[in-house]
């Protein structure tokens, strides 16, 4: 179903240009009114009234060393601690490189640059996640990096020489039971990986998934079910969406769903799945999913 049939209300921020690749609802706010939005070339913005008729947004800081913010994460064990990663690694004409990661220990009021990430290994950070023990994982062009000490030092846990075919890490997620998932491959072919031991070792998932002719992979875990995952694959031949894949057993086997069409187009991502590709699942209903390419679609089954 085209999501244009849904009712939409602009939330902003509308006083700054640029694309928004990361949104974080502050878990420290029991009303869920506090939201951070990260602009790919516009820095970090915050509102404390997301559901008001006209949310008021404030720029957190216009003078970060990099305003190319593409990833946001909050420590579930200490919600005063937040991270953002910089650098847009999908490389269209306006893509801006970054300078690593920043950290806040006071709920996002002030931020400090993690000097451990001030190097080329962290020029492009696609995703940041934090587990229940405060360990940080970042998907970068030098593989999936892990820190067990709040970002002071990092170790590559997945990438070249670490079980994968490329260092170009894309998507990352952690299930409520601690299982980690990662997709590898941006402008190159690799696959989906799973770790049940905090990233020490990884298994490549393959049963029912494409074996060739794909690049970027976006996936999402169902919040209501650790075993249900959806994945979107970019077709490396057409640039569109190769397919939507689903598992109900934590990745042991996958089935392909109907590849969606929209607005008379043969593919909802058309030829831009390398750049426009997103996926979300209703936290209360694992059958209700939303996917974005150039068009936005939803499915209830």
C-alpha atoms as a PDB file:
ATOM      1  CA  UNK A   1       0.000   0.000   0.000  1.00  0.00           C
ATOM      2  CA  UNK A   2       1.473   3.404  -0.864  1.00  0.00           C
ATOM      3  CA  UNK A   3       2.049   5.330   2.358  1.00  0.00           C
ATOM      4  CA  UNK A   4       0.798   8.463   0.611  1.00  0.00           C
ATOM      5  CA  UNK A   5      -2.641   7.237   1.664  1.00  0.00           C
ATOM      6  CA  UNK A   6      -1.683   7.737   5.303  1.00  0.00           C
ATOM      7  CA  UNK A   7      -2.144  11.031   7.138  1.00  0.00           C
ATOM      8  CA  UNK A   8       1.149  12.924   7.493  1.00  0.00           C
ATOM      9  CA  UNK A   9       2.026  15.963   9.609  1.00  0.00           C
ATOM     10  CA  UNK A  10       5.335  17.788   9.279  1.00  0.00           C
ATOM     11  CA  UNK A  11       7.410  17.576  12.453  1.00  0.00           C
ATOM     12  CA  UNK A  12      10.477  19.560  11.316  1.00  0.00           C
ATOM     13  CA  UNK A  13      13.080  20.822  11.771  1.00  0.00           C
ATOM     14  CA  UNK A  14      12.218  22.961   8.778  1.00  0.00           C
ATOM     15  CA  UNK A  15      14.680  25.799   9.283  1.00  0.00           C
ATOM     16  CA  UNK A  16      17.740  23.886   8.083  1.00  0.00           C
ATOM     17  CA  UNK A  17      18.471  22.167   4.783  1.00  0.00           C
ATOM     18  CA  UNK A  18      19.764  18.672   4.277  1.00  0.00           C
ATOM     19  CA  UNK A  19      18.714  15.084   4.672  1.00  0.00           C
ATOM     20  CA  UNK A  20      17.884  13.361   7.963  1.00  0.00           C
ATOM     21  CA  UNK A  21      19.273   9.840   8.303  1.00  0.00           C
ATOM     22  CA  UNK A  22      18.955   9.406  12.079  1.00  0.00           C
ATOM     23  CA  UNK A  23      16.217  10.127  14.638  1.00  0.00           C
ATOM     24  CA  UNK A  24      16.377   9.252  18.333  1.00  0.00           C
ATOM     25  CA  UNK A  25      13.500   9.395  20.819  1.00  0.00           C
ATOM     26  CA  UNK A  26      15.084  10.176  24.195  1.00  0.00           C
ATOM     27  CA  UNK A  27      14.450   7.273  26.576  1.00  0.00           C
ATOM     28  CA  UNK A  28      15.132   9.602  29.521  1.00  0.00           C
ATOM     29  CA  UNK A  29      11.874  11.430  28.789  1.00  0.00           C
ATOM     30  CA  UNK A  30       8.900   9.347  30.024  1.00  0.00           C
ATOM     31  CA  UNK A  31       6.552  11.430  27.851  1.00  0.00           C
ATOM     32  CA  UNK A  32       8.518  10.582  24.646  1.00  0.00           C
ATOM     33  CA  UNK A  33       8.327  14.251  23.635  1.00  0.00           C
ATOM     34  CA  UNK A  34      12.106  14.756  23.435  1.00  0.00           C
ATOM     35  CA  UNK A  35      13.595  13.838  20.083  1.00  0.00           C
ATOM     36  CA  UNK A  36      16.997  14.323  18.458  1.00  0.00           C
ATOM     37  CA  UNK A  37      17.272  14.618  14.671  1.00  0.00           C
ATOM     38  CA  UNK A  38      20.581  14.374  12.808  1.00  0.00           C
ATOM     39  CA  UNK A  39      21.161  16.207   9.545  1.00  0.00           C
ATOM     40  CA  UNK A  40      23.546  14.698   7.016  1.00  0.00           C
ATOM     41  CA  UNK A  41      24.979  18.165   6.470  1.00  0.00           C
ATOM     42  CA  UNK A  42      23.042  20.178   9.055  1.00  0.00           C
ATOM     43  CA  UNK A  43      24.248  18.964  12.446  1.00  0.00           C
ATOM     44  CA  UNK A  44      22.247  17.851  15.493  1.00  0.00           C
ATOM     45  CA  UNK A  45      18.806  19.222  16.395  1.00  0.00           C
ATOM     46  CA  UNK A  46      16.536  18.702  19.412  1.00  0.00           C
ATOM     47  CA  UNK A  47      12.893  19.254  20.291  1.00  0.00           C
ATOM     48  CA  UNK A  48      11.081  18.658  23.578  1.00  0.00           C
ATOM     49  CA  UNK A  49       7.621  18.913  21.998  1.00  0.00           C
ATOM     50  CA  UNK A  50       7.526  16.475  19.077  1.00  0.00           C
ATOM     51  CA  UNK A  51       3.733  15.984  19.248  1.00  0.00           C
ATOM     52  CA  UNK A  52       2.798  19.664  19.449  1.00  0.00           C
ATOM     53  CA  UNK A  53       1.112  21.343  16.507  1.00  0.00           C
ATOM     54  CA  UNK A  54       4.314  23.212  15.694  1.00  0.00           C
ATOM     55  CA  UNK A  55       7.350  21.557  17.342  1.00  0.00           C
ATOM     56  CA  UNK A  56      10.126  23.951  18.290  1.00  0.00           C
ATOM     57  CA  UNK A  57      13.621  22.749  17.351  1.00  0.00           C
ATOM     58  CA  UNK A  58      16.970  24.008  18.580  1.00  0.00           C
ATOM     59  CA  UNK A  59      20.370  23.413  17.071  1.00  0.00           C
ATOM     60  CA  UNK A  60      22.399  21.590  19.723  1.00  0.00           C
ATOM     61  CA  UNK A  61      25.729  22.999  18.531  1.00  0.00           C
ATOM     62  CA  UNK A  62      26.661  24.654  15.239  1.00  0.00           C
ATOM     63  CA  UNK A  63      30.375  24.188  15.850  1.00  0.00           C
ATOM     64  CA  UNK A  64      30.968  20.444  15.963  1.00  0.00           C
ATOM     65  CA  UNK A  65      34.068  19.503  13.985  1.00  0.00           C
ATOM     66  CA  UNK A  66      31.696  17.730  11.590  1.00  0.00           C
ATOM     67  CA  UNK A  67      28.036  18.539  10.936  1.00  0.00           C
ATOM     68  CA  UNK A  68      27.583  15.413   8.792  1.00  0.00           C
ATOM     69  CA  UNK A  69      25.700  13.377  11.406  1.00  0.00           C
ATOM     70  CA  UNK A  70      24.302  10.077  10.131  1.00  0.00           C
ATOM     71  CA  UNK A  71      23.908   7.857  13.238  1.00  0.00           C
ATOM     72  CA  UNK A  72      22.519   8.303  16.763  1.00  0.00           C
ATOM     73  CA  UNK A  73      22.499   5.915  19.726  1.00  0.00           C
ATOM     74  CA  UNK A  74      21.645   5.927  23.437  1.00  0.00           C
ATOM     75  CA  UNK A  75      23.101   3.680  26.127  1.00  0.00           C
ATOM     76  CA  UNK A  76      20.182   1.598  27.495  1.00  0.00           C
ATOM     77  CA  UNK A  77      22.085   1.016  30.741  1.00  0.00           C
ATOM     78  CA  UNK A  78      22.667   4.751  31.262  1.00  0.00           C
ATOM     79  CA  UNK A  79      20.329   6.908  29.190  1.00  0.00           C
ATOM     80  CA  UNK A  80      22.332  10.060  29.973  1.00  0.00           C
ATOM     81  CA  UNK A  81      25.009   8.696  27.629  1.00  0.00           C
ATOM     82  CA  UNK A  82      24.488   9.255  23.901  1.00  0.00           C
ATOM     83  CA  UNK A  83      26.643   8.920  20.786  1.00  0.00           C
ATOM     84  CA  UNK A  84      26.528  10.207  17.243  1.00  0.00           C
ATOM     85  CA  UNK A  85      28.544   9.117  14.219  1.00  0.00           C
ATOM     86  CA  UNK A  86      29.513  11.268  11.239  1.00  0.00           C
ATOM     87  CA  UNK A  87      30.118  10.815   7.514  1.00  0.00           C
ATOM     88  CA  UNK A  88      27.602   9.709   4.866  1.00  0.00           C
ATOM     89  CA  UNK A  89      28.992   6.572   3.239  1.00  0.00           C
ATOM     90  CA  UNK A  90      26.544   6.184   0.362  1.00  0.00           C
ATOM     91  CA  UNK A  91      28.373   8.673  -1.876  1.00  0.00           C
ATOM     92  CA  UNK A  92      25.987  10.715  -3.923  1.00  0.00           C
ATOM     93  CA  UNK A  93      27.157  14.117  -5.163  1.00  0.00           C
ATOM     94  CA  UNK A  94      26.525  15.901  -1.867  1.00  0.00           C
ATOM     95  CA  UNK A  95      27.887  13.216   0.478  1.00  0.00           C
ATOM     96  CA  UNK A  96      30.045  14.685   3.236  1.00  0.00           C
ATOM     97  CA  UNK A  97      32.823  12.755   5.029  1.00  0.00           C
ATOM     98  CA  UNK A  98      32.926  12.831   8.807  1.00  0.00           C
ATOM     99  CA  UNK A  99      35.404  12.931  11.665  1.00  0.00           C
ATOM    100  CA  UNK A 100      34.357   9.947  13.759  1.00  0.00           C
ATOM    101  CA  UNK A 101      32.099   9.809  16.807  1.00  0.00           C
ATOM    102  CA  UNK A 102      30.979  12.247  19.509  1.00  0.00           C
ATOM    103  CA  UNK A 103      29.761  11.363  23.014  1.00  0.00           C
ATOM    104  CA  UNK A 104      27.509  13.044  25.582  1.00  0.00           C
ATOM    105  CA  UNK A 105      27.279  12.042  29.242  1.00  0.00           C
ATOM    106  CA  UNK A 106      24.633  14.600  30.222  1.00  0.00           C
ATOM    107  CA  UNK A 107      21.681  13.667  28.054  1.00  0.00           C
ATOM    108  CA  UNK A 108      22.852  15.451  24.936  1.00  0.00           C
ATOM    109  CA  UNK A 109      23.363  18.929  26.426  1.00  0.00           C
ATOM    110  CA  UNK A 110      27.076  18.943  25.632  1.00  0.00           C
ATOM    111  CA  UNK A 111      29.229  16.663  23.495  1.00  0.00           C
ATOM    112  CA  UNK A 112      32.904  15.716  23.229  1.00  0.00           C
ATOM    113  CA  UNK A 113      34.758  14.284  20.237  1.00  0.00           C
ATOM    114  CA  UNK A 114      36.097  10.767  20.803  1.00  0.00           C
ATOM    115  CA  UNK A 115      39.752  11.197  19.895  1.00  0.00           C
ATOM    116  CA  UNK A 116      40.024   7.452  19.318  1.00  0.00           C
ATOM    117  CA  UNK A 117      37.889   7.946  16.195  1.00  0.00           C
ATOM    118  CA  UNK A 118      39.824  10.895  14.748  1.00  0.00           C
ATOM    119  CA  UNK A 119      41.246   8.812  11.916  1.00  0.00           C
ATOM    120  CA  UNK A 120      40.301   7.510   8.474  1.00  0.00           C
ATOM    121  CA  UNK A 121      38.820   4.317   9.939  1.00  0.00           C
ATOM    122  CA  UNK A 122      35.858   6.397  11.163  1.00  0.00           C
ATOM    123  CA  UNK A 123      35.397   8.828   8.256  1.00  0.00           C
ATOM    124  CA  UNK A 124      32.069   7.173   7.384  1.00  0.00           C
ATOM    125  CA  UNK A 125      29.837   5.829  10.166  1.00  0.00           C
ATOM    126  CA  UNK A 126      26.577   4.314   8.937  1.00  0.00           C
ATOM    127  CA  UNK A 127      25.164   3.048  12.260  1.00  0.00           C
ATOM    128  CA  UNK A 128      25.912   3.080  15.993  1.00  0.00           C
ATOM    129  CA  UNK A 129      24.296   0.788  18.581  1.00  0.00           C
ATOM    130  CA  UNK A 130      24.903   0.211  22.310  1.00  0.00           C
ATOM    131  CA  UNK A 131      24.177  -3.044  24.137  1.00  0.00           C
ATOM    132  CA  UNK A 132      22.805  -3.493  27.654  1.00  0.00           C
ATOM    133  CA  UNK A 133      26.345  -3.569  29.076  1.00  0.00           C
ATOM    134  CA  UNK A 134      27.293  -0.248  27.520  1.00  0.00           C
ATOM    135  CA  UNK A 135      29.447  -1.768  24.759  1.00  0.00           C
ATOM    136  CA  UNK A 136      29.396   0.333  21.564  1.00  0.00           C
ATOM    137  CA  UNK A 137      29.302  -1.015  18.007  1.00  0.00           C
ATOM    138  CA  UNK A 138      29.819   1.154  14.926  1.00  0.00           C
ATOM    139  CA  UNK A 139      29.494   0.181  11.270  1.00  0.00           C
ATOM    140  CA  UNK A 140      32.267   1.937   9.359  1.00  0.00           C
ATOM    141  CA  UNK A 141      34.310   1.612   6.181  1.00  0.00           C
ATOM    142  CA  UNK A 142      36.891  -0.220   8.289  1.00  0.00           C
ATOM    143  CA  UNK A 143      34.419  -2.900   9.383  1.00  0.00           C
ATOM    144  CA  UNK A 144      32.224  -3.261  12.450  1.00  0.00           C
ATOM    145  CA  UNK A 145      34.126  -1.651  15.312  1.00  0.00           C
ATOM    146  CA  UNK A 146      33.513  -2.381  19.003  1.00  0.00           C
ATOM    147  CA  UNK A 147      34.439  -0.475  22.164  1.00  0.00           C
ATOM    148  CA  UNK A 148      34.119  -1.910  25.669  1.00  0.00           C
ATOM    149  CA  UNK A 149      35.352   1.226  27.443  1.00  0.00           C
ATOM    150  CA  UNK A 150      33.028   3.999  26.394  1.00  0.00           C
ATOM    151  CA  UNK A 151      34.809   4.752  23.142  1.00  0.00           C
ATOM    152  CA  UNK A 152      38.365   5.152  24.474  1.00  0.00           C
ATOM    153  CA  UNK A 153      39.630   2.303  22.287  1.00  0.00           C
ATOM    154  CA  UNK A 154      38.171   0.193  19.481  1.00  0.00           C
ATOM    155  CA  UNK A 155      38.602  -3.280  18.007  1.00  0.00           C
ATOM    156  CA  UNK A 156      37.395  -4.497  14.617  1.00  0.00           C
ATOM    157  CA  UNK A 157      35.100  -7.484  15.183  1.00  0.00           C
ATOM    158  CA  UNK A 158      33.737  -8.019  11.638  1.00  0.00           C
ATOM    159  CA  UNK A 159      35.331  -7.221   8.287  1.00  0.00           C
ATOM    160  CA  UNK A 160      38.317  -8.230   6.201  1.00  0.00           C
ATOM    161  CA  UNK A 161      40.404 -10.810   8.115  1.00  0.00           C
ATOM    162  CA  UNK A 162      37.547 -10.903  10.641  1.00  0.00           C
ATOM    163  CA  UNK A 163      35.120 -13.256   8.903  1.00  0.00           C
ATOM    164  CA  UNK A 164      33.632 -10.997   6.216  1.00  0.00           C
ATOM    165  CA  UNK A 165      34.440 -10.353   2.556  1.00  0.00           C
ATOM    166  CA  UNK A 166      34.600  -6.561   2.893  1.00  0.00           C
ATOM    167  CA  UNK A 167      35.274  -3.846   5.454  1.00  0.00           C
ATOM    168  CA  UNK A 168      32.327  -1.764   4.257  1.00  0.00           C
ATOM    169  CA  UNK A 169      29.782  -2.253   7.034  1.00  0.00           C
ATOM    170  CA  UNK A 170      26.261  -0.917   6.616  1.00  0.00           C
ATOM    171  CA  UNK A 171      23.436  -1.826   8.993  1.00  0.00           C
ATOM    172  CA  UNK A 172      23.632  -2.984  12.617  1.00  0.00           C
ATOM    173  CA  UNK A 173      21.031  -4.120  15.158  1.00  0.00           C
ATOM    174  CA  UNK A 174      20.847  -5.853  18.514  1.00  0.00           C
ATOM    175  CA  UNK A 175      17.933  -7.988  19.686  1.00  0.00           C
ATOM    176  CA  UNK A 176      16.596  -7.774  23.228  1.00  0.00           C
ATOM    177  CA  UNK A 177      18.252 -11.133  23.939  1.00  0.00           C
ATOM    178  CA  UNK A 178      21.664  -9.678  23.010  1.00  0.00           C
ATOM    179  CA  UNK A 179      22.021 -11.276  19.573  1.00  0.00           C
ATOM    180  CA  UNK A 180      23.821  -8.992  17.110  1.00  0.00           C
ATOM    181  CA  UNK A 181      23.139  -8.685  13.379  1.00  0.00           C
ATOM    182  CA  UNK A 182      25.184  -6.810  10.785  1.00  0.00           C
ATOM    183  CA  UNK A 183      25.004  -6.296   7.034  1.00  0.00           C
ATOM    184  CA  UNK A 184      28.234  -5.930   5.085  1.00  0.00           C
ATOM    185  CA  UNK A 185      28.594  -4.429   1.621  1.00  0.00           C
ATOM    186  CA  UNK A 186      28.228  -0.900   0.217  1.00  0.00           C
ATOM    187  CA  UNK A 187      28.964  -0.785  -3.528  1.00  0.00           C
ATOM    188  CA  UNK A 188      30.178  -4.362  -3.105  1.00  0.00           C
ATOM    189  CA  UNK A 189      28.728  -7.791  -2.381  1.00  0.00           C
ATOM    190  CA  UNK A 190      28.918  -9.550   0.966  1.00  0.00           C
ATOM    191  CA  UNK A 191      25.913 -10.442   3.154  1.00  0.00           C
ATOM    192  CA  UNK A 192      24.119 -10.636   6.499  1.00  0.00           C
ATOM    193  CA  UNK A 193      25.898 -11.822   9.654  1.00  0.00           C
ATOM    194  CA  UNK A 194      24.826 -12.900  13.136  1.00  0.00           C
ATOM    195  CA  UNK A 195      26.688 -13.066  16.462  1.00  0.00           C
ATOM    196  CA  UNK A 196      25.444 -14.663  19.673  1.00  0.00           C
ATOM    197  CA  UNK A 197      28.577 -13.860  21.711  1.00  0.00           C
ATOM    198  CA  UNK A 198      28.811 -10.063  21.701  1.00  0.00           C
ATOM    199  CA  UNK A 199      30.641  -9.886  18.384  1.00  0.00           C
ATOM    200  CA  UNK A 200      33.436 -12.321  19.220  1.00  0.00           C
ATOM    201  CA  UNK A 201      32.459 -14.549  16.291  1.00  0.00           C
ATOM    202  CA  UNK A 202      29.937 -14.244  13.460  1.00  0.00           C
ATOM    203  CA  UNK A 203      27.942 -16.587  11.232  1.00  0.00           C
ATOM    204  CA  UNK A 204      26.996 -15.578   7.698  1.00  0.00           C
ATOM    205  CA  UNK A 205      23.285 -16.103   7.011  1.00  0.00           C
ATOM    206  CA  UNK A 206      22.446 -17.635   3.652  1.00  0.00           C
ATOM    207  CA  UNK A 207      19.508 -20.084   3.684  1.00  0.00           C
ATOM    208  CA  UNK A 208      16.926 -18.488   1.377  1.00  0.00           C
ATOM    209  CA  UNK A 209      18.860 -15.260   0.838  1.00  0.00           C
ATOM    210  CA  UNK A 210      20.382 -14.106  -2.483  1.00  0.00           C
ATOM    211  CA  UNK A 211      23.828 -15.475  -3.266  1.00  0.00           C
ATOM    212  CA  UNK A 212      24.806 -12.940  -5.930  1.00  0.00           C
ATOM    213  CA  UNK A 213      23.877  -9.719  -7.751  1.00  0.00           C
ATOM    214  CA  UNK A 214      23.258  -7.584  -4.667  1.00  0.00           C
ATOM    215  CA  UNK A 215      25.035  -4.847  -2.749  1.00  0.00           C
ATOM    216  CA  UNK A 216      23.546  -2.782   0.094  1.00  0.00           C
ATOM    217  CA  UNK A 217      21.339  -4.581   2.637  1.00  0.00           C
ATOM    218  CA  UNK A 218      18.982  -2.856   5.070  1.00  0.00           C
ATOM    219  CA  UNK A 219      17.271  -4.940   7.755  1.00  0.00           C
ATOM    220  CA  UNK A 220      15.109  -4.514  10.840  1.00  0.00           C
ATOM    221  CA  UNK A 221      14.362  -6.688  13.875  1.00  0.00           C
ATOM    222  CA  UNK A 222      10.761  -6.898  15.050  1.00  0.00           C
ATOM    223  CA  UNK A 223      10.689  -5.281  18.525  1.00  0.00           C
ATOM    224  CA  UNK A 224       7.953  -7.672  19.620  1.00  0.00           C
ATOM    225  CA  UNK A 225       9.726 -10.851  18.454  1.00  0.00           C
ATOM    226  CA  UNK A 226      13.481 -11.526  18.530  1.00  0.00           C
ATOM    227  CA  UNK A 227      13.157 -14.141  15.791  1.00  0.00           C
ATOM    228  CA  UNK A 228      11.349 -12.047  13.149  1.00  0.00           C
ATOM    229  CA  UNK A 229      13.557  -9.994  10.835  1.00  0.00           C
ATOM    230  CA  UNK A 230      12.927  -8.319   7.476  1.00  0.00           C
ATOM    231  CA  UNK A 231      15.693  -7.423   5.013  1.00  0.00           C
ATOM    232  CA  UNK A 232      15.779  -5.301   1.844  1.00  0.00           C
ATOM    233  CA  UNK A 233      18.411  -6.138  -0.766  1.00  0.00           C
ATOM    234  CA  UNK A 234      19.690  -3.726  -3.402  1.00  0.00           C
ATOM    235  CA  UNK A 235      19.887  -5.223  -6.894  1.00  0.00           C
ATOM    236  CA  UNK A 236      23.428  -4.492  -8.093  1.00  0.00           C
ATOM    237  CA  UNK A 237      22.361  -4.835 -11.746  1.00  0.00           C
ATOM    238  CA  UNK A 238      19.391  -2.454 -11.768  1.00  0.00           C
ATOM    239  CA  UNK A 239      20.083  -0.347  -8.698  1.00  0.00           C
ATOM    240  CA  UNK A 240      16.543  -1.053  -7.488  1.00  0.00           C
ATOM    241  CA  UNK A 241      15.243  -3.349  -4.776  1.00  0.00           C
ATOM    242  CA  UNK A 242      16.069  -6.999  -5.449  1.00  0.00           C
ATOM    243  CA  UNK A 243      13.589  -8.231  -2.873  1.00  0.00           C
ATOM    244  CA  UNK A 244      12.153  -8.154   0.628  1.00  0.00           C
ATOM    245  CA  UNK A 245      13.155 -11.174   2.703  1.00  0.00           C
ATOM    246  CA  UNK A 246      11.726 -12.411   5.988  1.00  0.00           C
ATOM    247  CA  UNK A 247      12.813 -14.837   8.694  1.00  0.00           C
ATOM    248  CA  UNK A 248      10.799 -16.035  11.686  1.00  0.00           C
ATOM    249  CA  UNK A 249      13.590 -18.143  13.214  1.00  0.00           C
ATOM    250  CA  UNK A 250      16.324 -15.616  13.881  1.00  0.00           C
ATOM    251  CA  UNK A 251      17.901 -15.916  10.453  1.00  0.00           C
ATOM    252  CA  UNK A 252      18.246 -19.695  10.139  1.00  0.00           C
ATOM    253  CA  UNK A 253      16.027 -19.635   7.033  1.00  0.00           C
ATOM    254  CA  UNK A 254      14.430 -16.887   4.929  1.00  0.00           C
ATOM    255  CA  UNK A 255      11.537 -16.528   2.510  1.00  0.00           C
ATOM    256  CA  UNK A 256      11.153 -13.870  -0.178  1.00  0.00           C
ATOM    257  CA  UNK A 257       7.978 -11.780   0.022  1.00  0.00           C
ATOM    258  CA  UNK A 258       6.304  -9.917  -2.822  1.00  0.00           C
ATOM    259  CA  UNK A 259       8.690  -7.315  -4.204  1.00  0.00           C
ATOM    260  CA  UNK A 260       6.561  -4.178  -3.915  1.00  0.00           C
ATOM    261  CA  UNK A 261       5.535  -1.846  -6.702  1.00  0.00           C
ATOM    262  CA  UNK A 262       4.246   1.676  -6.338  1.00  0.00           C
ATOM    263  CA  UNK A 263       2.734   4.502  -8.330  1.00  0.00           C
ATOM    264  CA  UNK A 264       3.004   2.581 -11.574  1.00  0.00           C
ATOM    265  CA  UNK A 265       6.742   2.034 -11.168  1.00  0.00           C
ATOM    266  CA  UNK A 266       8.209  -1.435 -11.483  1.00  0.00           C
ATOM    267  CA  UNK A 267      10.175  -0.976  -8.269  1.00  0.00           C
ATOM    268  CA  UNK A 268       9.486   1.306  -5.286  1.00  0.00           C
ATOM    269  CA  UNK A 269      13.202   2.181  -5.010  1.00  0.00           C
ATOM    270  CA  UNK A 270      13.456   2.560  -8.810  1.00  0.00           C
ATOM    271  CA  UNK A 271      17.197   2.722  -9.503  1.00  0.00           C
ATOM    272  CA  UNK A 272      18.303   4.289  -6.216  1.00  0.00           C
ATOM    273  CA  UNK A 273      18.311   1.506  -3.630  1.00  0.00           C
ATOM    274  CA  UNK A 274      22.051   2.126  -3.254  1.00  0.00           C
ATOM    275  CA  UNK A 275      21.069   5.465  -1.682  1.00  0.00           C
ATOM    276  CA  UNK A 276      17.359   5.453  -0.777  1.00  0.00           C
ATOM    277  CA  UNK A 277      16.546   2.356   1.253  1.00  0.00           C
ATOM    278  CA  UNK A 278      14.899   2.147   4.671  1.00  0.00           C
ATOM    279  CA  UNK A 279      12.792  -0.235   6.731  1.00  0.00           C
ATOM    280  CA  UNK A 280      10.817  -0.113   9.997  1.00  0.00           C
ATOM    281  CA  UNK A 281       8.505  -2.470  11.890  1.00  0.00           C
ATOM    282  CA  UNK A 282       5.588  -1.549  14.143  1.00  0.00           C
ATOM    283  CA  UNK A 283       6.777  -2.224  17.734  1.00  0.00           C
ATOM    284  CA  UNK A 284       3.419  -3.811  18.607  1.00  0.00           C
ATOM    285  CA  UNK A 285       2.735  -5.732  15.394  1.00  0.00           C
ATOM    286  CA  UNK A 286       5.501  -7.656  13.627  1.00  0.00           C
ATOM    287  CA  UNK A 287       3.345  -7.989  10.485  1.00  0.00           C
ATOM    288  CA  UNK A 288       3.088  -4.208  10.061  1.00  0.00           C
ATOM    289  CA  UNK A 289       6.137  -2.965   8.169  1.00  0.00           C
ATOM    290  CA  UNK A 290       7.141   0.241   6.425  1.00  0.00           C
ATOM    291  CA  UNK A 291       9.705   0.444   3.637  1.00  0.00           C
ATOM    292  CA  UNK A 292      11.192   3.452   1.924  1.00  0.00           C
ATOM    293  CA  UNK A 293      12.956   3.908  -1.372  1.00  0.00           C
ATOM    294  CA  UNK A 294      11.916   6.867  -3.491  1.00  0.00           C
ATOM    295  CA  UNK A 295       8.347   5.933  -2.544  1.00  0.00           C
ATOM    296  CA  UNK A 296       7.203   4.914   0.964  1.00  0.00           C
ATOM    297  CA  UNK A 297       5.040   1.801   1.310  1.00  0.00           C
ATOM    298  CA  UNK A 298       3.393  -0.098   4.129  1.00  0.00           C
ATOM    299  CA  UNK A 299       2.169  -3.673   4.545  1.00  0.00           C
ATOM    300  CA  UNK A 300      -0.083  -5.088   7.225  1.00  0.00           C
ATOM    301  CA  UNK A 301       0.522  -8.755   6.428  1.00  0.00           C
END
